[in-house]
Amino acid sequence: MAAGMSLYRTRRLVPYLLLLSMAFIGSGTSYADFLRLTTEYLDPYNVPTADGRSATGIVGDKVSELMRRAGIDYTLEAVSWQRAYNLAQVQPDTCVFGTARITERETLFKWIGPLATTEWVIIGRYDSPPVRRLEDLKNTPIAGYRSDAVATHLANQQYKIVTATNGEVCLRNLLAGRIDYWAAGRLSSPQIIKRLQAQSQVKVLFSFNRQELYLACNLDVPIKVIDALQAAYKSMETDGTLRQIDQRYPSLP
């Protein structure tokens, strides 16, 4: 009796499943038309909105417009940078922003951009031993946070990087005297310093590199999605949208 009822129910479900499939196909939505986006809170580049559905900022505004023009549905997850970055590496429908396109990462993602530029700086306390060149810190511990581009790059150059979960922890360690130098971004670090009210205690000692930031997509994201995003990016470049968004925010000197 149970088997007969199961067969009966299955036969009744078939027409509805077929109709559902036709509606799904007709809607133009498919697995390839959906992305999971990940990022961190990093003012002024990525600032998730209150509802958590999108992000503003130099990169956030551009990514939102990219998705709209490409016609791609998406969800956004704002987490620690390490988690955001790792998710984009292991989940096949995931992209992370804004990701510095350094040599160490080149083959790990499919890239859309550039969306912004960052400049790396070394920050110290006012009483930190004075330095003017990166080479002067070759044997000195430098604060950086996990999976961040500057920390990754310096570690690969054999610098001694002391990693933390985020930039705020790096700054707290610097203020507490646990470390004398912090490698950070020129535009993002002032926001962290201001949040901790440490403007009078630290200063930028020197800058040493500029890197472009991208939307970095898992290698298994379908090529048609990448093509759609590249086309959307090109249209934003052509009609001046990228430049207009840049003008809303602080810029590098």
C-alpha atoms as a PDB file:
ATOM      1  CA  MET A   1       0.000   0.000   0.000  1.00  0.00           C
ATOM      2  CA  ALA A   2       2.835   2.414   0.896  1.00  0.00           C
ATOM      3  CA  ALA A   3       4.660   1.694  -2.381  1.00  0.00           C
ATOM      4  CA  GLY A   4       1.473   2.238  -4.361  1.00  0.00           C
ATOM      5  CA  MET A   5       0.790   5.544  -2.655  1.00  0.00           C
ATOM      6  CA  SER A   6       4.401   6.637  -3.291  1.00  0.00           C
ATOM      7  CA  LEU A   7       4.105   5.830  -7.020  1.00  0.00           C
ATOM      8  CA  TYR A   8       0.769   7.637  -7.161  1.00  0.00           C
ATOM      9  CA  ARG A   9       2.211  10.749  -5.550  1.00  0.00           C
ATOM     10  CA  THR A  10       5.243  10.699  -7.828  1.00  0.00           C
ATOM     11  CA  ARG A  11       3.023  10.521 -10.917  1.00  0.00           C
ATOM     12  CA  ARG A  12       0.977  13.454  -9.645  1.00  0.00           C
ATOM     13  CA  LEU A  13       4.144  15.479  -8.970  1.00  0.00           C
ATOM     14  CA  VAL A  14       5.675  14.999 -12.423  1.00  0.00           C
ATOM     15  CA  PRO A  15       3.471  17.547 -14.268  1.00  0.00           C
ATOM     16  CA  TYR A  16       4.125  20.152 -11.574  1.00  0.00           C
ATOM     17  CA  LEU A  17       7.869  19.557 -11.668  1.00  0.00           C
ATOM     18  CA  LEU A  18       7.858  19.930 -15.443  1.00  0.00           C
ATOM     19  CA  LEU A  19       5.957  23.191 -15.190  1.00  0.00           C
ATOM     20  CA  LEU A  20       8.358  24.436 -12.529  1.00  0.00           C
ATOM     21  CA  SER A  21      11.346  23.580 -14.721  1.00  0.00           C
ATOM     22  CA  MET A  22       9.840  25.395 -17.694  1.00  0.00           C
ATOM     23  CA  ALA A  23       9.157  28.467 -15.577  1.00  0.00           C
ATOM     24  CA  PHE A  24      12.717  28.406 -14.237  1.00  0.00           C
ATOM     25  CA  ILE A  25      14.208  28.177 -17.714  1.00  0.00           C
ATOM     26  CA  GLY A  26      11.855  30.821 -19.043  1.00  0.00           C
ATOM     27  CA  SER A  27      12.862  33.249 -16.323  1.00  0.00           C
ATOM     28  CA  GLY A  28      16.403  33.381 -17.733  1.00  0.00           C
ATOM     29  CA  THR A  29      17.844  32.502 -14.317  1.00  0.00           C
ATOM     30  CA  SER A  30      20.278  29.658 -13.913  1.00  0.00           C
ATOM     31  CA  TYR A  31      23.100  28.544 -11.658  1.00  0.00           C
ATOM     32  CA  ALA A  32      25.468  30.575 -13.787  1.00  0.00           C
ATOM     33  CA  ASP A  33      23.421  33.769 -13.275  1.00  0.00           C
ATOM     34  CA  PHE A  34      23.942  33.801  -9.502  1.00  0.00           C
ATOM     35  CA  LEU A  35      26.999  34.697  -7.452  1.00  0.00           C
ATOM     36  CA  ARG A  36      27.903  34.731  -3.801  1.00  0.00           C
ATOM     37  CA  LEU A  37      29.928  37.842  -3.043  1.00  0.00           C
ATOM     38  CA  THR A  38      32.154  38.161  -0.005  1.00  0.00           C
ATOM     39  CA  THR A  39      33.974  41.150   1.419  1.00  0.00           C
ATOM     40  CA  GLU A  40      35.100  42.793   4.643  1.00  0.00           C
ATOM     41  CA  TYR A  41      34.202  46.133   6.181  1.00  0.00           C
ATOM     42  CA  LEU A  42      36.998  48.385   4.962  1.00  0.00           C
ATOM     43  CA  ASP A  43      36.108  52.048   4.694  1.00  0.00           C
ATOM     44  CA  PRO A  44      36.364  53.748   2.180  1.00  0.00           C
ATOM     45  CA  TYR A  45      36.551  50.725  -0.148  1.00  0.00           C
ATOM     46  CA  ASN A  46      33.868  48.310   1.055  1.00  0.00           C
ATOM     47  CA  VAL A  47      31.090  49.446   3.403  1.00  0.00           C
ATOM     48  CA  PRO A  48      28.209  46.934   3.650  1.00  0.00           C
ATOM     49  CA  THR A  49      24.780  48.550   3.825  1.00  0.00           C
ATOM     50  CA  ALA A  50      22.581  48.243   6.924  1.00  0.00           C
ATOM     51  CA  ASP A  51      20.434  45.520   5.341  1.00  0.00           C
ATOM     52  CA  GLY A  52      23.530  43.557   4.331  1.00  0.00           C
ATOM     53  CA  ARG A  53      22.380  43.150   0.741  1.00  0.00           C
ATOM     54  CA  SER A  54      24.973  45.337  -0.948  1.00  0.00           C
ATOM     55  CA  ALA A  55      27.972  47.532  -0.244  1.00  0.00           C
ATOM     56  CA  THR A  56      28.944  51.128  -0.829  1.00  0.00           C
ATOM     57  CA  GLY A  57      32.430  52.598  -1.086  1.00  0.00           C
ATOM     58  CA  ILE A  58      34.978  53.019  -3.848  1.00  0.00           C
ATOM     59  CA  VAL A  59      34.841  49.315  -4.688  1.00  0.00           C
ATOM     60  CA  GLY A  60      31.416  48.467  -3.248  1.00  0.00           C
ATOM     61  CA  ASP A  61      29.570  50.970  -5.466  1.00  0.00           C
ATOM     62  CA  LYS A  62      31.303  49.629  -8.556  1.00  0.00           C
ATOM     63  CA  VAL A  63      30.598  45.996  -7.724  1.00  0.00           C
ATOM     64  CA  SER A  64      26.901  46.756  -7.168  1.00  0.00           C
ATOM     65  CA  GLU A  65      26.718  48.470 -10.552  1.00  0.00           C
ATOM     66  CA  LEU A  66      28.651  45.630 -12.202  1.00  0.00           C
ATOM     67  CA  MET A  67      26.068  43.118 -10.966  1.00  0.00           C
ATOM     68  CA  ARG A  68      23.172  45.288 -12.101  1.00  0.00           C
ATOM     69  CA  ARG A  69      24.537  45.800 -15.599  1.00  0.00           C
ATOM     70  CA  ALA A  70      25.526  42.148 -15.984  1.00  0.00           C
ATOM     71  CA  GLY A  71      22.065  41.031 -14.840  1.00  0.00           C
ATOM     72  CA  ILE A  72      23.477  38.735 -12.165  1.00  0.00           C
ATOM     73  CA  ASP A  73      21.630  38.002  -8.927  1.00  0.00           C
ATOM     74  CA  TYR A  74      23.835  37.795  -5.861  1.00  0.00           C
ATOM     75  CA  THR A  75      24.076  37.576  -2.128  1.00  0.00           C
ATOM     76  CA  LEU A  76      26.649  39.434  -0.045  1.00  0.00           C
ATOM     77  CA  GLU A  77      28.450  38.176   3.034  1.00  0.00           C
ATOM     78  CA  ALA A  78      30.536  40.685   5.007  1.00  0.00           C
ATOM     79  CA  VAL A  79      32.953  38.825   7.268  1.00  0.00           C
ATOM     80  CA  SER A  80      36.607  38.925   8.288  1.00  0.00           C
ATOM     81  CA  TRP A  81      38.952  39.305   5.333  1.00  0.00           C
ATOM     82  CA  GLN A  82      40.479  35.887   5.901  1.00  0.00           C
ATOM     83  CA  ARG A  83      37.060  34.200   5.717  1.00  0.00           C
ATOM     84  CA  ALA A  84      35.914  36.317   2.752  1.00  0.00           C
ATOM     85  CA  TYR A  85      39.083  35.481   0.853  1.00  0.00           C
ATOM     86  CA  ASN A  86      39.049  31.772   1.717  1.00  0.00           C
ATOM     87  CA  LEU A  87      35.382  31.349   0.745  1.00  0.00           C
ATOM     88  CA  ALA A  88      36.129  32.691  -2.736  1.00  0.00           C
ATOM     89  CA  GLN A  89      38.843  30.101  -3.118  1.00  0.00           C
ATOM     90  CA  VAL A  90      36.764  27.070  -2.109  1.00  0.00           C
ATOM     91  CA  GLN A  91      33.195  27.888  -3.190  1.00  0.00           C
ATOM     92  CA  PRO A  92      32.682  27.575  -6.974  1.00  0.00           C
ATOM     93  CA  ASP A  93      30.084  30.361  -7.289  1.00  0.00           C
ATOM     94  CA  THR A  94      31.878  32.957  -5.167  1.00  0.00           C
ATOM     95  CA  CYS A  95      33.794  36.204  -5.769  1.00  0.00           C
ATOM     96  CA  VAL A  96      35.583  38.418  -3.229  1.00  0.00           C
ATOM     97  CA  PHE A  97      36.254  42.172  -3.305  1.00  0.00           C
ATOM     98  CA  GLY A  98      38.307  44.333  -3.208  1.00  0.00           C
ATOM     99  CA  THR A  99      41.215  42.026  -3.780  1.00  0.00           C
ATOM    100  CA  ALA A 100      44.726  43.233  -4.503  1.00  0.00           C
ATOM    101  CA  ARG A 101      46.022  41.514  -7.625  1.00  0.00           C
ATOM    102  CA  ILE A 102      49.465  40.581  -6.419  1.00  0.00           C
ATOM    103  CA  THR A 103      51.738  38.036  -8.077  1.00  0.00           C
ATOM    104  CA  GLU A 104      51.119  35.495  -5.332  1.00  0.00           C
ATOM    105  CA  ARG A 105      47.389  35.440  -6.173  1.00  0.00           C
ATOM    106  CA  GLU A 106      47.449  35.716  -9.958  1.00  0.00           C
ATOM    107  CA  THR A 107      46.573  32.095 -10.772  1.00  0.00           C
ATOM    108  CA  LEU A 108      44.090  31.655  -7.918  1.00  0.00           C
ATOM    109  CA  PHE A 109      41.173  33.652  -9.364  1.00  0.00           C
ATOM    110  CA  LYS A 110      39.488  35.094 -12.421  1.00  0.00           C
ATOM    111  CA  TRP A 111      39.826  38.874 -12.239  1.00  0.00           C
ATOM    112  CA  ILE A 112      37.433  41.745 -13.057  1.00  0.00           C
ATOM    113  CA  GLY A 113      38.741  45.284 -12.798  1.00  0.00           C
ATOM    114  CA  PRO A 114      40.717  47.193 -11.738  1.00  0.00           C
ATOM    115  CA  LEU A 115      38.164  48.807  -9.418  1.00  0.00           C
ATOM    116  CA  ALA A 116      40.443  50.930  -7.220  1.00  0.00           C
ATOM    117  CA  THR A 117      44.036  51.503  -6.176  1.00  0.00           C
ATOM    118  CA  THR A 118      45.586  51.085  -2.759  1.00  0.00           C
ATOM    119  CA  GLU A 119      48.932  52.304  -1.504  1.00  0.00           C
ATOM    120  CA  TRP A 120      50.804  50.401   1.184  1.00  0.00           C
ATOM    121  CA  VAL A 121      52.341  52.287   4.079  1.00  0.00           C
ATOM    122  CA  ILE A 122      54.294  51.560   7.231  1.00  0.00           C
ATOM    123  CA  ILE A 123      52.749  53.133  10.325  1.00  0.00           C
ATOM    124  CA  GLY A 124      54.535  53.596  13.635  1.00  0.00           C
ATOM    125  CA  ARG A 125      53.961  55.247  16.973  1.00  0.00           C
ATOM    126  CA  TYR A 126      55.488  58.664  17.458  1.00  0.00           C
ATOM    127  CA  ASP A 127      58.107  56.984  19.656  1.00  0.00           C
ATOM    128  CA  SER A 128      58.794  54.053  17.284  1.00  0.00           C
ATOM    129  CA  PRO A 129      62.418  53.837  16.120  1.00  0.00           C
ATOM    130  CA  PRO A 130      62.645  55.998  12.956  1.00  0.00           C
ATOM    131  CA  VAL A 131      62.867  54.225   9.597  1.00  0.00           C
ATOM    132  CA  ARG A 132      62.639  55.527   6.048  1.00  0.00           C
ATOM    133  CA  ARG A 133      62.917  52.426   3.889  1.00  0.00           C
ATOM    134  CA  LEU A 134      61.282  49.031   3.895  1.00  0.00           C
ATOM    135  CA  GLU A 135      64.697  47.395   3.781  1.00  0.00           C
ATOM    136  CA  ASP A 136      65.441  48.856   7.221  1.00  0.00           C
ATOM    137  CA  LEU A 137      62.739  46.552   8.641  1.00  0.00           C
ATOM    138  CA  LYS A 138      64.046  43.306   7.172  1.00  0.00           C
ATOM    139  CA  ASN A 139      64.668  41.756  10.592  1.00  0.00           C
ATOM    140  CA  THR A 140      61.982  43.636  12.521  1.00  0.00           C
ATOM    141  CA  PRO A 141      58.481  42.305  13.354  1.00  0.00           C
ATOM    142  CA  ILE A 142      55.743  44.075  11.374  1.00  0.00           C
ATOM    143  CA  ALA A 143      52.023  43.830  12.131  1.00  0.00           C
ATOM    144  CA  GLY A 144      49.680  42.672   9.367  1.00  0.00           C
ATOM    145  CA  TYR A 145      46.418  40.795   9.192  1.00  0.00           C
ATOM    146  CA  ARG A 146      45.718  37.324   7.901  1.00  0.00           C
ATOM    147  CA  SER A 147      45.302  36.873   4.128  1.00  0.00           C
ATOM    148  CA  ASP A 148      45.804  40.617   3.565  1.00  0.00           C
ATOM    149  CA  ALA A 149      47.792  41.369   0.427  1.00  0.00           C
ATOM    150  CA  VAL A 150      50.479  43.480   2.060  1.00  0.00           C
ATOM    151  CA  ALA A 151      51.082  40.869   4.769  1.00  0.00           C
ATOM    152  CA  THR A 152      51.175  38.076   2.185  1.00  0.00           C
ATOM    153  CA  HIS A 153      53.557  39.996  -0.059  1.00  0.00           C
ATOM    154  CA  LEU A 154      55.948  40.950   2.740  1.00  0.00           C
ATOM    155  CA  ALA A 155      55.963  37.445   4.191  1.00  0.00           C
ATOM    156  CA  ASN A 156      56.940  36.080   0.782  1.00  0.00           C
ATOM    157  CA  GLN A 157      59.773  38.628   0.729  1.00  0.00           C
ATOM    158  CA  GLN A 158      61.031  37.107   3.995  1.00  0.00           C
ATOM    159  CA  TYR A 159      59.876  39.943   6.259  1.00  0.00           C
ATOM    160  CA  LYS A 160      58.768  38.992   9.773  1.00  0.00           C
ATOM    161  CA  ILE A 161      54.988  39.455   9.752  1.00  0.00           C
ATOM    162  CA  VAL A 162      53.045  39.149  12.998  1.00  0.00           C
ATOM    163  CA  THR A 163      49.487  38.414  11.883  1.00  0.00           C
ATOM    164  CA  ALA A 164      46.230  39.377  13.569  1.00  0.00           C
ATOM    165  CA  THR A 165      42.567  38.921  12.671  1.00  0.00           C
ATOM    166  CA  ASN A 166      42.084  42.459  11.323  1.00  0.00           C
ATOM    167  CA  GLY A 167      43.589  45.921  11.080  1.00  0.00           C
ATOM    168  CA  GLU A 168      42.062  47.089  14.344  1.00  0.00           C
ATOM    169  CA  VAL A 169      43.895  44.369  16.269  1.00  0.00           C
ATOM    170  CA  CYS A 170      47.119  45.347  14.487  1.00  0.00           C
ATOM    171  CA  LEU A 171      46.659  48.939  15.616  1.00  0.00           C
ATOM    172  CA  ARG A 172      45.885  47.918  19.195  1.00  0.00           C
ATOM    173  CA  ASN A 173      49.079  45.875  19.279  1.00  0.00           C
ATOM    174  CA  LEU A 174      51.006  48.874  17.947  1.00  0.00           C
ATOM    175  CA  LEU A 175      49.487  51.218  20.543  1.00  0.00           C
ATOM    176  CA  ALA A 176      50.220  48.767  23.343  1.00  0.00           C
ATOM    177  CA  GLY A 177      53.888  48.601  22.341  1.00  0.00           C
ATOM    178  CA  ARG A 178      53.721  44.898  21.475  1.00  0.00           C
ATOM    179  CA  ILE A 179      55.045  45.809  18.054  1.00  0.00           C
ATOM    180  CA  ASP A 180      56.608  48.962  16.582  1.00  0.00           C
ATOM    181  CA  TYR A 181      55.354  48.927  12.982  1.00  0.00           C
ATOM    182  CA  TRP A 182      52.159  48.165  11.099  1.00  0.00           C
ATOM    183  CA  ALA A 183      51.869  47.548   7.336  1.00  0.00           C
ATOM    184  CA  ALA A 184      48.521  48.899   6.118  1.00  0.00           C
ATOM    185  CA  GLY A 185      46.648  50.738   3.364  1.00  0.00           C
ATOM    186  CA  ARG A 186      46.970  54.517   3.084  1.00  0.00           C
ATOM    187  CA  LEU A 187      43.232  55.189   2.666  1.00  0.00           C
ATOM    188  CA  SER A 188      41.836  52.491   4.948  1.00  0.00           C
ATOM    189  CA  SER A 189      44.196  52.846   7.923  1.00  0.00           C
ATOM    190  CA  PRO A 190      43.063  56.409   8.846  1.00  0.00           C
ATOM    191  CA  GLN A 191      39.514  55.098   9.301  1.00  0.00           C
ATOM    192  CA  ILE A 192      40.757  52.473  11.759  1.00  0.00           C
ATOM    193  CA  ILE A 193      42.976  55.006  13.544  1.00  0.00           C
ATOM    194  CA  LYS A 194      40.068  57.427  13.858  1.00  0.00           C
ATOM    195  CA  ARG A 195      37.777  54.693  15.179  1.00  0.00           C
ATOM    196  CA  LEU A 196      40.253  54.018  18.003  1.00  0.00           C
ATOM    197  CA  GLN A 197      40.898  57.753  18.504  1.00  0.00           C
ATOM    198  CA  ALA A 198      44.620  57.234  17.992  1.00  0.00           C
ATOM    199  CA  GLN A 199      45.365  60.105  15.613  1.00  0.00           C
ATOM    200  CA  SER A 200      47.773  61.738  18.051  1.00  0.00           C
ATOM    201  CA  GLN A 201      49.662  58.509  18.796  1.00  0.00           C
ATOM    202  CA  VAL A 202      50.648  57.133  15.380  1.00  0.00           C
ATOM    203  CA  LYS A 203      51.914  58.392  12.036  1.00  0.00           C
ATOM    204  CA  VAL A 204      52.715  57.183   8.534  1.00  0.00           C
ATOM    205  CA  LEU A 205      56.462  56.687   8.251  1.00  0.00           C
ATOM    206  CA  PHE A 206      56.673  55.978   4.509  1.00  0.00           C
ATOM    207  CA  SER A 207      54.830  54.399   1.581  1.00  0.00           C
ATOM    208  CA  PHE A 208      56.316  51.607  -0.497  1.00  0.00           C
ATOM    209  CA  ASN A 209      53.909  50.160  -3.053  1.00  0.00           C
ATOM    210  CA  ARG A 210      50.702  50.680  -4.999  1.00  0.00           C
ATOM    211  CA  GLN A 211      48.364  47.871  -5.984  1.00  0.00           C
ATOM    212  CA  GLU A 212      45.099  47.700  -7.915  1.00  0.00           C
ATOM    213  CA  LEU A 213      42.003  46.148  -6.354  1.00  0.00           C
ATOM    214  CA  TYR A 214      39.710  43.758  -8.243  1.00  0.00           C
ATOM    215  CA  LEU A 215      36.680  41.548  -7.996  1.00  0.00           C
ATOM    216  CA  ALA A 216      38.324  38.122  -7.716  1.00  0.00           C
ATOM    217  CA  CYS A 217      36.197  35.132  -8.734  1.00  0.00           C
ATOM    218  CA  ASN A 218      36.617  31.444  -8.059  1.00  0.00           C
ATOM    219  CA  LEU A 219      38.184  29.625 -11.007  1.00  0.00           C
ATOM    220  CA  ASP A 220      34.997  27.566 -11.482  1.00  0.00           C
ATOM    221  CA  VAL A 221      32.758  30.596 -12.068  1.00  0.00           C
ATOM    222  CA  PRO A 222      31.442  30.003 -15.625  1.00  0.00           C
ATOM    223  CA  ILE A 223      33.121  31.926 -18.408  1.00  0.00           C
ATOM    224  CA  LYS A 224      29.798  33.407 -19.531  1.00  0.00           C
ATOM    225  CA  VAL A 225      29.476  35.084 -16.131  1.00  0.00           C
ATOM    226  CA  ILE A 226      33.022  36.413 -16.319  1.00  0.00           C
ATOM    227  CA  ASP A 227      32.360  37.683 -19.854  1.00  0.00           C
ATOM    228  CA  ALA A 228      29.177  39.439 -18.691  1.00  0.00           C
ATOM    229  CA  LEU A 229      31.053  41.108 -15.839  1.00  0.00           C
ATOM    230  CA  GLN A 230      33.912  42.142 -18.132  1.00  0.00           C
ATOM    231  CA  ALA A 231      31.418  43.650 -20.577  1.00  0.00           C
ATOM    232  CA  ALA A 232      29.691  45.516 -17.738  1.00  0.00           C
ATOM    233  CA  TYR A 233      33.053  46.802 -16.533  1.00  0.00           C
ATOM    234  CA  LYS A 234      33.950  48.010 -20.021  1.00  0.00           C
ATOM    235  CA  SER A 235      30.660  49.889 -20.323  1.00  0.00           C
ATOM    236  CA  MET A 236      31.252  51.565 -16.938  1.00  0.00           C
ATOM    237  CA  GLU A 237      34.714  52.564 -18.079  1.00  0.00           C
ATOM    238  CA  THR A 238      33.422  53.905 -21.401  1.00  0.00           C
ATOM    239  CA  ASP A 239      30.519  55.962 -20.039  1.00  0.00           C
ATOM    240  CA  GLY A 240      32.541  57.452 -17.164  1.00  0.00           C
ATOM    241  CA  THR A 241      30.761  55.640 -14.314  1.00  0.00           C
ATOM    242  CA  LEU A 242      34.016  54.381 -12.799  1.00  0.00           C
ATOM    243  CA  ARG A 243      35.418  57.901 -12.707  1.00  0.00           C
ATOM    244  CA  GLN A 244      32.178  59.343 -11.281  1.00  0.00           C
ATOM    245  CA  ILE A 245      32.221  56.851  -8.405  1.00  0.00           C
ATOM    246  CA  ASP A 246      35.881  57.630  -7.677  1.00  0.00           C
ATOM    247  CA  GLN A 247      35.010  61.319  -7.328  1.00  0.00           C
ATOM    248  CA  ARG A 248      32.655  60.573  -4.410  1.00  0.00           C
ATOM    249  CA  TYR A 249      35.454  59.321  -2.176  1.00  0.00           C
ATOM    250  CA  PRO A 250      38.937  60.200  -0.868  1.00  0.00           C
ATOM    251  CA  SER A 251      41.740  59.584  -3.335  1.00  0.00           C
ATOM    252  CA  LEU A 252      45.405  58.760  -3.062  1.00  0.00           C
ATOM    253  CA  PRO A 253      47.830  61.709  -3.209  1.00  0.00           C
END
